[in-house]
């Protein structure tokens, strides 16, 4: 099952692309709720390059590594990657006037209900905006 979330950002494509792919910026926006945060981020943005974001509960009770390998990178347009668990993700960046529309489609995992996954990914995208 594939799930799509999207959000428009009032900015230019260069700024959106930089914030999406900068490890320091990722640590600022990559969380689905206020009680989680990203403590570290690594990005090797190229086809075959790897990424890793360490996401943890702020109380230190739990954490996960969100990691994978880039399979397609078209600057300012598309990023595709495969997560370490084998699921695929596609992120499209569409410049529309004075906004950039980000459309993110991912394969759902089987441990959590699809709506919970949609809400989490949407919350992260909303934080980015």
C-alpha atoms as a PDB file:
ATOM      1  CA  UNK A   1       0.000   0.000   0.000  1.00  0.00           C
ATOM      2  CA  UNK A   2       1.291   3.434  -0.949  1.00  0.00           C
ATOM      3  CA  UNK A   3       0.445   6.596   0.970  1.00  0.00           C
ATOM      4  CA  UNK A   4       0.859  10.151  -0.307  1.00  0.00           C
ATOM      5  CA  UNK A   5       1.188  13.332   1.744  1.00  0.00           C
ATOM      6  CA  UNK A   6       1.733  16.819   0.383  1.00  0.00           C
ATOM      7  CA  UNK A   7       2.318  20.379   1.460  1.00  0.00           C
ATOM      8  CA  UNK A   8       2.983  23.713  -0.222  1.00  0.00           C
ATOM      9  CA  UNK A   9       5.799  25.917   1.084  1.00  0.00           C
ATOM     10  CA  UNK A  10       6.033  29.652   0.410  1.00  0.00           C
ATOM     11  CA  UNK A  11       9.622  29.800  -0.774  1.00  0.00           C
ATOM     12  CA  UNK A  12      11.795  29.285  -3.807  1.00  0.00           C
ATOM     13  CA  UNK A  13      12.947  25.865  -4.969  1.00  0.00           C
ATOM     14  CA  UNK A  14      16.598  26.458  -4.055  1.00  0.00           C
ATOM     15  CA  UNK A  15      15.770  27.248  -0.413  1.00  0.00           C
ATOM     16  CA  UNK A  16      13.351  24.331  -0.088  1.00  0.00           C
ATOM     17  CA  UNK A  17      15.855  21.900  -1.618  1.00  0.00           C
ATOM     18  CA  UNK A  18      18.629  23.102   0.709  1.00  0.00           C
ATOM     19  CA  UNK A  19      16.476  22.861   3.851  1.00  0.00           C
ATOM     20  CA  UNK A  20      15.218  19.397   2.859  1.00  0.00           C
ATOM     21  CA  UNK A  21      18.746  18.038   2.393  1.00  0.00           C
ATOM     22  CA  UNK A  22      20.878  19.910   4.930  1.00  0.00           C
ATOM     23  CA  UNK A  23      21.700  17.749   7.998  1.00  0.00           C
ATOM     24  CA  UNK A  24      21.541  20.791  10.286  1.00  0.00           C
ATOM     25  CA  UNK A  25      18.145  21.837   8.922  1.00  0.00           C
ATOM     26  CA  UNK A  26      16.795  18.274   9.100  1.00  0.00           C
ATOM     27  CA  UNK A  27      17.495  18.265  12.850  1.00  0.00           C
ATOM     28  CA  UNK A  28      15.256  21.344  13.178  1.00  0.00           C
ATOM     29  CA  UNK A  29      12.155  20.065  11.358  1.00  0.00           C
ATOM     30  CA  UNK A  30      12.247  16.253  11.321  1.00  0.00           C
ATOM     31  CA  UNK A  31       9.765  15.255  14.028  1.00  0.00           C
ATOM     32  CA  UNK A  32       6.151  14.134  14.028  1.00  0.00           C
ATOM     33  CA  UNK A  33       5.338  15.587  17.471  1.00  0.00           C
ATOM     34  CA  UNK A  34       6.732  17.978  20.067  1.00  0.00           C
ATOM     35  CA  UNK A  35       7.955  15.136  22.291  1.00  0.00           C
ATOM     36  CA  UNK A  36      10.307  13.776  19.597  1.00  0.00           C
ATOM     37  CA  UNK A  37      13.371  15.279  17.913  1.00  0.00           C
ATOM     38  CA  UNK A  38      16.141  14.366  15.488  1.00  0.00           C
ATOM     39  CA  UNK A  39      19.463  14.250  17.311  1.00  0.00           C
ATOM     40  CA  UNK A  40      21.733  13.630  14.325  1.00  0.00           C
ATOM     41  CA  UNK A  41      21.524  13.540  10.555  1.00  0.00           C
ATOM     42  CA  UNK A  42      23.821  12.438   7.738  1.00  0.00           C
ATOM     43  CA  UNK A  43      23.145  13.021   4.049  1.00  0.00           C
ATOM     44  CA  UNK A  44      25.126  11.819   1.019  1.00  0.00           C
ATOM     45  CA  UNK A  45      22.722  13.156  -1.623  1.00  0.00           C
ATOM     46  CA  UNK A  46      23.610  11.205  -4.751  1.00  0.00           C
ATOM     47  CA  UNK A  47      22.343   8.051  -6.389  1.00  0.00           C
ATOM     48  CA  UNK A  48      23.817   5.237  -4.311  1.00  0.00           C
ATOM     49  CA  UNK A  49      24.489   7.613  -1.398  1.00  0.00           C
ATOM     50  CA  UNK A  50      23.146   6.872   2.058  1.00  0.00           C
ATOM     51  CA  UNK A  51      21.269   8.901   4.653  1.00  0.00           C
ATOM     52  CA  UNK A  52      20.598   8.498   8.350  1.00  0.00           C
ATOM     53  CA  UNK A  53      18.490  10.519  10.769  1.00  0.00           C
ATOM     54  CA  UNK A  54      18.435   9.490  14.426  1.00  0.00           C
ATOM     55  CA  UNK A  55      14.978  10.241  15.845  1.00  0.00           C
ATOM     56  CA  UNK A  56      14.422   9.993  19.612  1.00  0.00           C
ATOM     57  CA  UNK A  57      11.797  10.717  22.217  1.00  0.00           C
ATOM     58  CA  UNK A  58      12.905  13.805  24.134  1.00  0.00           C
ATOM     59  CA  UNK A  59      12.605  11.884  27.419  1.00  0.00           C
ATOM     60  CA  UNK A  60      15.162   9.371  26.110  1.00  0.00           C
ATOM     61  CA  UNK A  61      12.769   6.425  26.397  1.00  0.00           C
ATOM     62  CA  UNK A  62      13.066   5.254  22.785  1.00  0.00           C
ATOM     63  CA  UNK A  63      14.507   6.097  19.388  1.00  0.00           C
ATOM     64  CA  UNK A  64      14.806   4.908  15.807  1.00  0.00           C
ATOM     65  CA  UNK A  65      17.237   5.235  12.948  1.00  0.00           C
ATOM     66  CA  UNK A  66      15.513   6.428   9.769  1.00  0.00           C
ATOM     67  CA  UNK A  67      17.964   5.364   7.104  1.00  0.00           C
ATOM     68  CA  UNK A  68      18.338   4.149   3.575  1.00  0.00           C
ATOM     69  CA  UNK A  69      19.932   4.633   0.188  1.00  0.00           C
ATOM     70  CA  UNK A  70      19.146   7.167  -2.544  1.00  0.00           C
ATOM     71  CA  UNK A  71      18.098   5.516  -5.799  1.00  0.00           C
ATOM     72  CA  UNK A  72      17.305   8.627  -7.874  1.00  0.00           C
ATOM     73  CA  UNK A  73      18.204  12.288  -7.418  1.00  0.00           C
ATOM     74  CA  UNK A  74      17.149  14.980  -9.895  1.00  0.00           C
ATOM     75  CA  UNK A  75      18.190  18.320  -8.403  1.00  0.00           C
ATOM     76  CA  UNK A  76      15.272  20.563  -7.438  1.00  0.00           C
ATOM     77  CA  UNK A  77      12.771  17.970  -8.734  1.00  0.00           C
ATOM     78  CA  UNK A  78      12.857  14.398  -7.398  1.00  0.00           C
ATOM     79  CA  UNK A  79      14.419  12.320  -4.654  1.00  0.00           C
ATOM     80  CA  UNK A  80      13.753   8.592  -4.520  1.00  0.00           C
ATOM     81  CA  UNK A  81      15.168   6.256  -1.920  1.00  0.00           C
ATOM     82  CA  UNK A  82      14.837   2.809  -0.436  1.00  0.00           C
ATOM     83  CA  UNK A  83      14.607   2.536   3.321  1.00  0.00           C
ATOM     84  CA  UNK A  84      16.733  -0.070   5.073  1.00  0.00           C
ATOM     85  CA  UNK A  85      13.586  -2.182   5.564  1.00  0.00           C
ATOM     86  CA  UNK A  86      13.102  -2.324   1.763  1.00  0.00           C
ATOM     87  CA  UNK A  87      10.233   0.161   1.402  1.00  0.00           C
ATOM     88  CA  UNK A  88      10.471   2.805  -1.310  1.00  0.00           C
ATOM     89  CA  UNK A  89       9.830   6.546  -1.053  1.00  0.00           C
ATOM     90  CA  UNK A  90       9.471   9.217  -3.744  1.00  0.00           C
ATOM     91  CA  UNK A  91       9.581  12.949  -3.015  1.00  0.00           C
ATOM     92  CA  UNK A  92       8.639  15.419  -5.734  1.00  0.00           C
ATOM     93  CA  UNK A  93       9.317  19.151  -5.594  1.00  0.00           C
ATOM     94  CA  UNK A  94       7.067  21.194  -7.890  1.00  0.00           C
ATOM     95  CA  UNK A  95       7.621  24.919  -8.244  1.00  0.00           C
ATOM     96  CA  UNK A  96       4.226  26.583  -8.676  1.00  0.00           C
ATOM     97  CA  UNK A  97       4.514  30.359  -8.791  1.00  0.00           C
ATOM     98  CA  UNK A  98       5.770  31.600  -5.423  1.00  0.00           C
ATOM     99  CA  UNK A  99       5.353  28.241  -3.674  1.00  0.00           C
ATOM    100  CA  UNK A 100       6.957  24.825  -3.858  1.00  0.00           C
ATOM    101  CA  UNK A 101       4.614  21.876  -3.601  1.00  0.00           C
ATOM    102  CA  UNK A 102       6.192  18.830  -1.981  1.00  0.00           C
ATOM    103  CA  UNK A 103       4.527  15.491  -2.754  1.00  0.00           C
ATOM    104  CA  UNK A 104       5.845  12.531  -0.782  1.00  0.00           C
ATOM    105  CA  UNK A 105       4.707   8.974  -1.563  1.00  0.00           C
ATOM    106  CA  UNK A 106       5.854   6.053   0.583  1.00  0.00           C
ATOM    107  CA  UNK A 107       5.160   2.376   0.954  1.00  0.00           C
ATOM    108  CA  UNK A 108       3.332   1.721   4.209  1.00  0.00           C
ATOM    109  CA  UNK A 109       4.801  -0.642   6.775  1.00  0.00           C
ATOM    110  CA  UNK A 110       2.666  -3.370   8.336  1.00  0.00           C
ATOM    111  CA  UNK A 111       3.118  -2.708  12.081  1.00  0.00           C
ATOM    112  CA  UNK A 112       0.990   0.460  12.324  1.00  0.00           C
ATOM    113  CA  UNK A 113      -2.375   1.399  10.787  1.00  0.00           C
ATOM    114  CA  UNK A 114      -2.092   3.301   7.482  1.00  0.00           C
ATOM    115  CA  UNK A 115      -3.870   6.385   8.890  1.00  0.00           C
ATOM    116  CA  UNK A 116      -1.375   6.610  11.764  1.00  0.00           C
ATOM    117  CA  UNK A 117       1.477   6.463   9.249  1.00  0.00           C
ATOM    118  CA  UNK A 118      -0.157   9.113   7.064  1.00  0.00           C
ATOM    119  CA  UNK A 119      -0.608  11.404  10.076  1.00  0.00           C
ATOM    120  CA  UNK A 120       3.017  10.973  11.171  1.00  0.00           C
ATOM    121  CA  UNK A 121       4.518  11.636   7.752  1.00  0.00           C
ATOM    122  CA  UNK A 122       2.147  14.582   7.242  1.00  0.00           C
ATOM    123  CA  UNK A 123       3.136  16.056  10.620  1.00  0.00           C
ATOM    124  CA  UNK A 124       6.807  15.914   9.657  1.00  0.00           C
ATOM    125  CA  UNK A 125       6.032  17.583   6.325  1.00  0.00           C
ATOM    126  CA  UNK A 126       3.980  20.247   8.114  1.00  0.00           C
ATOM    127  CA  UNK A 127       6.935  20.908  10.476  1.00  0.00           C
ATOM    128  CA  UNK A 128       9.164  21.326   7.448  1.00  0.00           C
ATOM    129  CA  UNK A 129       6.832  23.953   5.983  1.00  0.00           C
END
